[in-house]
Amino acid sequence: MPQRSRHQERIIKNYYENREAISLQRVQELVTELYLSEGKARERHWKNLASHLEKLGVAPATIDHLLAHQDLERVAQLVEDLAKKA
């Protein structure tokens, strides 16, 4: 297995240092996409949203509740609260 260059190592390090901010940004984008999507795309966005919320450390019970009700207002409020904490 070839060695990584210093540049590649820095990219990897920066990714892991900023992983929470990246997930938060993706969740914000998914909320927007959920407002605009329908059908199968909407289902896929809900699954992606759950995955990113897990990465942000949101409780599984909260995620399950959001998925069960699919209430975008609650999701948007949660995202706003997460952004304030970040």
PDB file of N, CA and C in Angstrom:
ATOM      1  N   MET A   1       0.850  -1.176   0.000  1.00  0.00           N
ATOM      2  CA  MET A   1       0.000   0.000   0.000  1.00  0.00           C
ATOM      3  C   MET A   1       0.896   1.240   0.000  1.00  0.00           C
ATOM      4  N   PRO A   2       0.698   2.120  -0.967  1.00  0.00           N
ATOM      5  CA  PRO A   2       1.570   3.303  -1.061  1.00  0.00           C
ATOM      6  C   PRO A   2       1.315   4.283   0.089  1.00  0.00           C
ATOM      7  N   GLN A   3       2.348   5.022   0.432  1.00  0.00           N
ATOM      8  CA  GLN A   3       2.252   6.046   1.471  1.00  0.00           C
ATOM      9  C   GLN A   3       1.457   7.243   0.953  1.00  0.00           C
ATOM     10  N   ARG A   4       0.773   7.883   1.852  1.00  0.00           N
ATOM     11  CA  ARG A   4       0.067   9.108   1.483  1.00  0.00           C
ATOM     12  C   ARG A   4       1.030  10.279   1.554  1.00  0.00           C
ATOM     13  N   SER A   5       0.798  11.242   0.678  1.00  0.00           N
ATOM     14  CA  SER A   5       1.619  12.450   0.717  1.00  0.00           C
ATOM     15  C   SER A   5       1.177  13.320   1.896  1.00  0.00           C
ATOM     16  N   ARG A   6       1.994  14.293   2.245  1.00  0.00           N
ATOM     17  CA  ARG A   6       1.639  15.211   3.339  1.00  0.00           C
ATOM     18  C   ARG A   6       0.343  15.954   3.022  1.00  0.00           C
ATOM     19  N   HIS A   7       0.182  16.298   1.754  1.00  0.00           N
ATOM     20  CA  HIS A   7      -1.025  17.000   1.321  1.00  0.00           C
ATOM     21  C   HIS A   7      -2.257  16.125   1.558  1.00  0.00           C
ATOM     22  N   GLN A   8      -2.183  14.850   1.193  1.00  0.00           N
ATOM     23  CA  GLN A   8      -3.297  13.940   1.394  1.00  0.00           C
ATOM     24  C   GLN A   8      -3.593  13.759   2.888  1.00  0.00           C
ATOM     25  N   GLU A   9      -2.546  13.664   3.685  1.00  0.00           N
ATOM     26  CA  GLU A   9      -2.719  13.525   5.127  1.00  0.00           C
ATOM     27  C   GLU A   9      -3.438  14.739   5.719  1.00  0.00           C
ATOM     28  N   ARG A  10      -3.079  15.943   5.255  1.00  0.00           N
ATOM     29  CA  ARG A  10      -3.740  17.163   5.732  1.00  0.00           C
ATOM     30  C   ARG A  10      -5.215  17.179   5.342  1.00  0.00           C
ATOM     31  N   ILE A  11      -5.519  16.745   4.124  1.00  0.00           N
ATOM     32  CA  ILE A  11      -6.910  16.708   3.677  1.00  0.00           C
ATOM     33  C   ILE A  11      -7.724  15.775   4.561  1.00  0.00           C
ATOM     34  N   ILE A  12      -7.186  14.601   4.842  1.00  0.00           N
ATOM     35  CA  ILE A  12      -7.874  13.629   5.687  1.00  0.00           C
ATOM     36  C   ILE A  12      -8.054  14.185   7.096  1.00  0.00           C
ATOM     37  N   LYS A  13      -7.000  14.790   7.637  1.00  0.00           N
ATOM     38  CA  LYS A  13      -7.062  15.356   8.983  1.00  0.00           C
ATOM     39  C   LYS A  13      -8.116  16.460   9.054  1.00  0.00           C
ATOM     40  N   ASN A  14      -8.139  17.344   8.068  1.00  0.00           N
ATOM     41  CA  ASN A  14      -9.118  18.433   8.047  1.00  0.00           C
ATOM     42  C   ASN A  14     -10.540  17.910   7.941  1.00  0.00           C
ATOM     43  N   TYR A  15     -10.722  16.852   7.162  1.00  0.00           N
ATOM     44  CA  TYR A  15     -12.058  16.265   7.038  1.00  0.00           C
ATOM     45  C   TYR A  15     -12.551  15.807   8.398  1.00  0.00           C
ATOM     46  N   TYR A  16     -11.736  15.053   9.117  1.00  0.00           N
ATOM     47  CA  TYR A  16     -12.174  14.527  10.404  1.00  0.00           C
ATOM     48  C   TYR A  16     -12.324  15.624  11.454  1.00  0.00           C
ATOM     49  N   GLU A  17     -11.545  16.672  11.358  1.00  0.00           N
ATOM     50  CA  GLU A  17     -11.703  17.799  12.289  1.00  0.00           C
ATOM     51  C   GLU A  17     -12.998  18.557  12.029  1.00  0.00           C
ATOM     52  N   ASN A  18     -13.440  18.576  10.786  1.00  0.00           N
ATOM     53  CA  ASN A  18     -14.623  19.351  10.402  1.00  0.00           C
ATOM     54  C   ASN A  18     -15.832  18.481  10.084  1.00  0.00           C
ATOM     55  N   ARG A  19     -15.784  17.216  10.474  1.00  0.00           N
ATOM     56  CA  ARG A  19     -16.850  16.282  10.126  1.00  0.00           C
ATOM     57  C   ARG A  19     -18.206  16.729  10.665  1.00  0.00           C
ATOM     58  N   GLU A  20     -18.242  17.271  11.862  1.00  0.00           N
ATOM     59  CA  GLU A  20     -19.513  17.723  12.438  1.00  0.00           C
ATOM     60  C   GLU A  20     -20.092  18.877  11.634  1.00  0.00           C
ATOM     61  N   ALA A  21     -19.267  19.827  11.258  1.00  0.00           N
ATOM     62  CA  ALA A  21     -19.734  20.967  10.467  1.00  0.00           C
ATOM     63  C   ALA A  21     -20.214  20.511   9.088  1.00  0.00           C
ATOM     64  N   ILE A  22     -19.534  19.533   8.523  1.00  0.00           N
ATOM     65  CA  ILE A  22     -19.933  19.000   7.217  1.00  0.00           C
ATOM     66  C   ILE A  22     -21.301  18.333   7.325  1.00  0.00           C
ATOM     67  N   SER A  23     -21.505  17.531   8.369  1.00  0.00           N
ATOM     68  CA  SER A  23     -22.799  16.864   8.559  1.00  0.00           C
ATOM     69  C   SER A  23     -23.905  17.875   8.809  1.00  0.00           C
ATOM     70  N   LEU A  24     -23.623  18.904   9.586  1.00  0.00           N
ATOM     71  CA  LEU A  24     -24.632  19.933   9.856  1.00  0.00           C
ATOM     72  C   LEU A  24     -25.028  20.645   8.570  1.00  0.00           C
ATOM     73  N   GLN A  25     -24.059  20.974   7.755  1.00  0.00           N
ATOM     74  CA  GLN A  25     -24.359  21.631   6.487  1.00  0.00           C
ATOM     75  C   GLN A  25     -25.192  20.722   5.593  1.00  0.00           C
ATOM     76  N   ARG A  26     -24.860  19.435   5.567  1.00  0.00           N
ATOM     77  CA  ARG A  26     -25.615  18.488   4.731  1.00  0.00           C
ATOM     78  C   ARG A  26     -27.051  18.346   5.246  1.00  0.00           C
ATOM     79  N   VAL A  27     -27.234  18.344   6.562  1.00  0.00           N
ATOM     80  CA  VAL A  27     -28.584  18.264   7.125  1.00  0.00           C
ATOM     81  C   VAL A  27     -29.381  19.497   6.712  1.00  0.00           C
ATOM     82  N   GLN A  28     -28.773  20.658   6.754  1.00  0.00           N
ATOM     83  CA  GLN A  28     -29.461  21.881   6.333  1.00  0.00           C
ATOM     84  C   GLN A  28     -29.861  21.793   4.861  1.00  0.00           C
ATOM     85  N   GLU A  29     -28.985  21.263   4.034  1.00  0.00           N
ATOM     86  CA  GLU A  29     -29.306  21.096   2.617  1.00  0.00           C
ATOM     87  C   GLU A  29     -30.434  20.098   2.418  1.00  0.00           C
ATOM     88  N   LEU A  30     -30.429  19.023   3.208  1.00  0.00           N
ATOM     89  CA  LEU A  30     -31.470  18.008   3.082  1.00  0.00           C
ATOM     90  C   LEU A  30     -32.839  18.537   3.491  1.00  0.00           C
ATOM     91  N   VAL A  31     -32.890  19.417   4.479  1.00  0.00           N
ATOM     92  CA  VAL A  31     -34.171  20.015   4.861  1.00  0.00           C
ATOM     93  C   VAL A  31     -34.745  20.785   3.677  1.00  0.00           C
ATOM     94  N   THR A  32     -33.907  21.540   3.006  1.00  0.00           N
ATOM     95  CA  THR A  32     -34.355  22.279   1.823  1.00  0.00           C
ATOM     96  C   THR A  32     -34.828  21.321   0.740  1.00  0.00           C
ATOM     97  N   GLU A  33     -34.052  20.264   0.500  1.00  0.00           N
ATOM     98  CA  GLU A  33     -34.422  19.287  -0.528  1.00  0.00           C
ATOM     99  C   GLU A  33     -35.724  18.567  -0.173  1.00  0.00           C
ATOM    100  N   LEU A  34     -35.959  18.325   1.109  1.00  0.00           N
ATOM    101  CA  LEU A  34     -37.204  17.671   1.522  1.00  0.00           C
ATOM    102  C   LEU A  34     -38.417  18.549   1.239  1.00  0.00           C
ATOM    103  N   TYR A  35     -38.273  19.849   1.416  1.00  0.00           N
ATOM    104  CA  TYR A  35     -39.377  20.759   1.112  1.00  0.00           C
ATOM    105  C   TYR A  35     -39.729  20.721  -0.372  1.00  0.00           C
ATOM    106  N   LEU A  36     -38.733  20.455  -1.213  1.00  0.00           N
ATOM    107  CA  LEU A  36     -38.939  20.536  -2.656  1.00  0.00           C
ATOM    108  C   LEU A  36     -39.196  19.198  -3.333  1.00  0.00           C
ATOM    109  N   SER A  37     -38.903  18.098  -2.667  1.00  0.00           N
ATOM    110  CA  SER A  37     -38.968  16.799  -3.331  1.00  0.00           C
ATOM    111  C   SER A  37     -40.286  16.081  -3.070  1.00  0.00           C
ATOM    112  N   GLU A  38     -40.514  15.057  -3.904  1.00  0.00           N
ATOM    113  CA  GLU A  38     -41.707  14.214  -3.793  1.00  0.00           C
ATOM    114  C   GLU A  38     -41.321  12.776  -4.112  1.00  0.00           C
ATOM    115  N   GLY A  39     -42.161  11.845  -3.699  1.00  0.00           N
ATOM    116  CA  GLY A  39     -42.005  10.447  -4.077  1.00  0.00           C
ATOM    117  C   GLY A  39     -40.762   9.777  -3.527  1.00  0.00           C
ATOM    118  N   LYS A  40     -40.114   9.000  -4.402  1.00  0.00           N
ATOM    119  CA  LYS A  40     -38.944   8.223  -3.999  1.00  0.00           C
ATOM    120  C   LYS A  40     -37.775   9.102  -3.575  1.00  0.00           C
ATOM    121  N   ALA A  41     -37.626  10.231  -4.218  1.00  0.00           N
ATOM    122  CA  ALA A  41     -36.533  11.141  -3.850  1.00  0.00           C
ATOM    123  C   ALA A  41     -36.722  11.630  -2.421  1.00  0.00           C
ATOM    124  N   ARG A  42     -37.948  11.898  -2.066  1.00  0.00           N
ATOM    125  CA  ARG A  42     -38.249  12.356  -0.707  1.00  0.00           C
ATOM    126  C   ARG A  42     -37.918  11.264   0.309  1.00  0.00           C
ATOM    127  N   GLU A  43     -38.251  10.025   0.032  1.00  0.00           N
ATOM    128  CA  GLU A  43     -37.920   8.902   0.917  1.00  0.00           C
ATOM    129  C   GLU A  43     -36.410   8.778   1.092  1.00  0.00           C
ATOM    130  N   ARG A  44     -35.688   8.912   0.009  1.00  0.00           N
ATOM    131  CA  ARG A  44     -34.224   8.822   0.038  1.00  0.00           C
ATOM    132  C   ARG A  44     -33.630   9.953   0.888  1.00  0.00           C
ATOM    133  N   HIS A  45     -34.188  11.139   0.769  1.00  0.00           N
ATOM    134  CA  HIS A  45     -33.700  12.275   1.560  1.00  0.00           C
ATOM    135  C   HIS A  45     -33.956  12.056   3.053  1.00  0.00           C
ATOM    136  N   TRP A  46     -35.086  11.458   3.404  1.00  0.00           N
ATOM    137  CA  TRP A  46     -35.355  11.170   4.815  1.00  0.00           C
ATOM    138  C   TRP A  46     -34.323  10.187   5.369  1.00  0.00           C
ATOM    139  N   LYS A  47     -33.970   9.168   4.578  1.00  0.00           N
ATOM    140  CA  LYS A  47     -32.956   8.196   5.017  1.00  0.00           C
ATOM    141  C   LYS A  47     -31.600   8.867   5.191  1.00  0.00           C
ATOM    142  N   ASN A  48     -31.237   9.719   4.246  1.00  0.00           N
ATOM    143  CA  ASN A  48     -29.968  10.443   4.345  1.00  0.00           C
ATOM    144  C   ASN A  48     -29.963  11.379   5.553  1.00  0.00           C
ATOM    145  N   LEU A  49     -31.094  12.007   5.802  1.00  0.00           N
ATOM    146  CA  LEU A  49     -31.210  12.902   6.952  1.00  0.00           C
ATOM    147  C   LEU A  49     -30.970  12.134   8.248  1.00  0.00           C
ATOM    148  N   ALA A  50     -31.573  10.962   8.362  1.00  0.00           N
ATOM    149  CA  ALA A  50     -31.387  10.144   9.564  1.00  0.00           C
ATOM    150  C   ALA A  50     -29.915   9.782   9.745  1.00  0.00           C
ATOM    151  N   SER A  51     -29.259   9.438   8.681  1.00  0.00           N
ATOM    152  CA  SER A  51     -27.842   9.071   8.750  1.00  0.00           C
ATOM    153  C   SER A  51     -26.984  10.230   9.247  1.00  0.00           C
ATOM    154  N   HIS A  52     -27.225  11.409   8.719  1.00  0.00           N
ATOM    155  CA  HIS A  52     -26.437  12.578   9.123  1.00  0.00           C
ATOM    156  C   HIS A  52     -26.772  13.036  10.539  1.00  0.00           C
ATOM    157  N   LEU A  53     -28.020  12.881  10.951  1.00  0.00           N
ATOM    158  CA  LEU A  53     -28.372  13.227  12.323  1.00  0.00           C
ATOM    159  C   LEU A  53     -27.669  12.297  13.309  1.00  0.00           C
ATOM    160  N   GLU A  54     -27.516  11.026  12.939  1.00  0.00           N
ATOM    161  CA  GLU A  54     -26.765  10.094  13.786  1.00  0.00           C
ATOM    162  C   GLU A  54     -25.325  10.560  13.940  1.00  0.00           C
ATOM    163  N   LYS A  55     -24.733  11.007  12.839  1.00  0.00           N
ATOM    164  CA  LYS A  55     -23.348  11.477  12.873  1.00  0.00           C
ATOM    165  C   LYS A  55     -23.202  12.712  13.770  1.00  0.00           C
ATOM    166  N   LEU A  56     -24.276  13.482  13.891  1.00  0.00           N
ATOM    167  CA  LEU A  56     -24.247  14.675  14.734  1.00  0.00           C
ATOM    168  C   LEU A  56     -24.529  14.354  16.199  1.00  0.00           C
ATOM    169  N   GLY A  57     -24.831  13.096  16.499  1.00  0.00           N
ATOM    170  CA  GLY A  57     -25.040  12.697  17.872  1.00  0.00           C
ATOM    171  C   GLY A  57     -26.459  12.896  18.387  1.00  0.00           C
ATOM    172  N   VAL A  58     -27.408  13.014  17.497  1.00  0.00           N
ATOM    173  CA  VAL A  58     -28.808  13.143  17.902  1.00  0.00           C
ATOM    174  C   VAL A  58     -29.277  11.772  18.403  1.00  0.00           C
ATOM    175  N   ALA A  59     -30.058  11.783  19.470  1.00  0.00           N
ATOM    176  CA  ALA A  59     -30.533  10.538  20.073  1.00  0.00           C
ATOM    177  C   ALA A  59     -31.354   9.718  19.074  1.00  0.00           C
ATOM    178  N   PRO A  60     -31.142   8.396  19.057  1.00  0.00           N
ATOM    179  CA  PRO A  60     -31.904   7.542  18.132  1.00  0.00           C
ATOM    180  C   PRO A  60     -33.422   7.661  18.308  1.00  0.00           C
ATOM    181  N   ALA A  61     -33.886   7.851  19.538  1.00  0.00           N
ATOM    182  CA  ALA A  61     -35.326   8.014  19.769  1.00  0.00           C
ATOM    183  C   ALA A  61     -35.853   9.271  19.085  1.00  0.00           C
ATOM    184  N   THR A  62     -35.068  10.328  19.115  1.00  0.00           N
ATOM    185  CA  THR A  62     -35.455  11.576  18.453  1.00  0.00           C
ATOM    186  C   THR A  62     -35.511  11.385  16.942  1.00  0.00           C
ATOM    187  N   ILE A  63     -34.509  10.702  16.416  1.00  0.00           N
ATOM    188  CA  ILE A  63     -34.471  10.441  14.968  1.00  0.00           C
ATOM    189  C   ILE A  63     -35.676   9.601  14.555  1.00  0.00           C
ATOM    190  N   ASP A  64     -35.961   8.545  15.314  1.00  0.00           N
ATOM    191  CA  ASP A  64     -37.106   7.690  15.000  1.00  0.00           C
ATOM    192  C   ASP A  64     -38.412   8.479  15.033  1.00  0.00           C
ATOM    193  N   HIS A  65     -38.540   9.371  16.014  1.00  0.00           N
ATOM    194  CA  HIS A  65     -39.743  10.197  16.118  1.00  0.00           C
ATOM    195  C   HIS A  65     -39.885  11.117  14.898  1.00  0.00           C
ATOM    196  N   LEU A  66     -38.784  11.732  14.504  1.00  0.00           N
ATOM    197  CA  LEU A  66     -38.823  12.628  13.345  1.00  0.00           C
ATOM    198  C   LEU A  66     -39.179  11.869  12.074  1.00  0.00           C
ATOM    199  N   LEU A  67     -38.627  10.669  11.920  1.00  0.00           N
ATOM    200  CA  LEU A  67     -38.910   9.868  10.729  1.00  0.00           C
ATOM    201  C   LEU A  67     -40.359   9.374  10.722  1.00  0.00           C
ATOM    202  N   ALA A  68     -40.866   9.028  11.899  1.00  0.00           N
ATOM    203  CA  ALA A  68     -42.233   8.521  11.976  1.00  0.00           C
ATOM    204  C   ALA A  68     -43.250   9.600  11.608  1.00  0.00           C
ATOM    205  N   HIS A  69     -43.016  10.816  12.078  1.00  0.00           N
ATOM    206  CA  HIS A  69     -43.970  11.906  11.831  1.00  0.00           C
ATOM    207  C   HIS A  69     -43.664  12.689  10.557  1.00  0.00           C
ATOM    208  N   GLN A  70     -42.435  12.632  10.100  1.00  0.00           N
ATOM    209  CA  GLN A  70     -41.987  13.372   8.908  1.00  0.00           C
ATOM    210  C   GLN A  70     -42.468  14.821   8.933  1.00  0.00           C
ATOM    211  N   ASP A  71     -42.247  15.452  10.064  1.00  0.00           N
ATOM    212  CA  ASP A  71     -42.637  16.846  10.264  1.00  0.00           C
ATOM    213  C   ASP A  71     -41.419  17.732  10.015  1.00  0.00           C
ATOM    214  N   LEU A  72     -41.413  18.403   8.893  1.00  0.00           N
ATOM    215  CA  LEU A  72     -40.267  19.226   8.514  1.00  0.00           C
ATOM    216  C   LEU A  72     -40.072  20.417   9.435  1.00  0.00           C
ATOM    217  N   GLU A  73     -41.143  20.908  10.029  1.00  0.00           N
ATOM    218  CA  GLU A  73     -41.015  22.026  10.963  1.00  0.00           C
ATOM    219  C   GLU A  73     -40.169  21.621  12.173  1.00  0.00           C
ATOM    220  N   ARG A  74     -40.423  20.427  12.691  1.00  0.00           N
ATOM    221  CA  ARG A  74     -39.635  19.935  13.826  1.00  0.00           C
ATOM    222  C   ARG A  74     -38.185  19.706  13.440  1.00  0.00           C
ATOM    223  N   VAL A  75     -37.987  19.165  12.256  1.00  0.00           N
ATOM    224  CA  VAL A  75     -36.622  18.935  11.780  1.00  0.00           C
ATOM    225  C   VAL A  75     -35.894  20.261  11.626  1.00  0.00           C
ATOM    226  N   ALA A  76     -36.551  21.236  11.035  1.00  0.00           N
ATOM    227  CA  ALA A  76     -35.939  22.548  10.849  1.00  0.00           C
ATOM    228  C   ALA A  76     -35.591  23.181  12.198  1.00  0.00           C
ATOM    229  N   GLN A  77     -36.461  23.016  13.193  1.00  0.00           N
ATOM    230  CA  GLN A  77     -36.185  23.552  14.526  1.00  0.00           C
ATOM    231  C   GLN A  77     -34.984  22.835  15.147  1.00  0.00           C
ATOM    232  N   LEU A  78     -34.917  21.526  14.979  1.00  0.00           N
ATOM    233  CA  LEU A  78     -33.773  20.761  15.499  1.00  0.00           C
ATOM    234  C   LEU A  78     -32.468  21.221  14.839  1.00  0.00           C
ATOM    235  N   VAL A  79     -32.504  21.419  13.538  1.00  0.00           N
ATOM    236  CA  VAL A  79     -31.318  21.863  12.815  1.00  0.00           C
ATOM    237  C   VAL A  79     -30.891  23.248  13.299  1.00  0.00           C
ATOM    238  N   GLU A  80     -31.865  24.114  13.529  1.00  0.00           N
ATOM    239  CA  GLU A  80     -31.557  25.454  14.040  1.00  0.00           C
ATOM    240  C   GLU A  80     -30.901  25.369  15.412  1.00  0.00           C
ATOM    241  N   ASP A  81     -31.410  24.490  16.264  1.00  0.00           N
ATOM    242  CA  ASP A  81     -30.822  24.302  17.594  1.00  0.00           C
ATOM    243  C   ASP A  81     -29.394  23.742  17.502  1.00  0.00           C
ATOM    244  N   LEU A  82     -29.198  22.781  16.598  1.00  0.00           N
ATOM    245  CA  LEU A  82     -27.864  22.216  16.395  1.00  0.00           C
ATOM    246  C   LEU A  82     -26.882  23.264  15.885  1.00  0.00           C
ATOM    247  N   ALA A  83     -27.358  24.130  15.000  1.00  0.00           N
ATOM    248  CA  ALA A  83     -26.488  25.172  14.450  1.00  0.00           C
ATOM    249  C   ALA A  83     -26.081  26.170  15.525  1.00  0.00           C
ATOM    250  N   LYS A  84     -26.980  26.453  16.448  1.00  0.00           N
ATOM    251  CA  LYS A  84     -26.658  27.387  17.527  1.00  0.00           C
ATOM    252  C   LYS A  84     -25.604  26.804  18.458  1.00  0.00           C
ATOM    253  N   LYS A  85     -25.644  25.480  18.660  1.00  0.00           N
ATOM    254  CA  LYS A  85     -24.683  24.822  19.537  1.00  0.00           C
ATOM    255  C   LYS A  85     -23.301  24.718  18.902  1.00  0.00           C
ATOM    256  N   ALA A  86     -23.268  24.710  17.579  1.00  0.00           N
ATOM    257  CA  ALA A  86     -21.991  24.515  16.876  1.00  0.00           C
ATOM    258  C   ALA A  86     -21.112  25.716  16.895  1.00  0.00           C
TER     259      ALA A  86
END
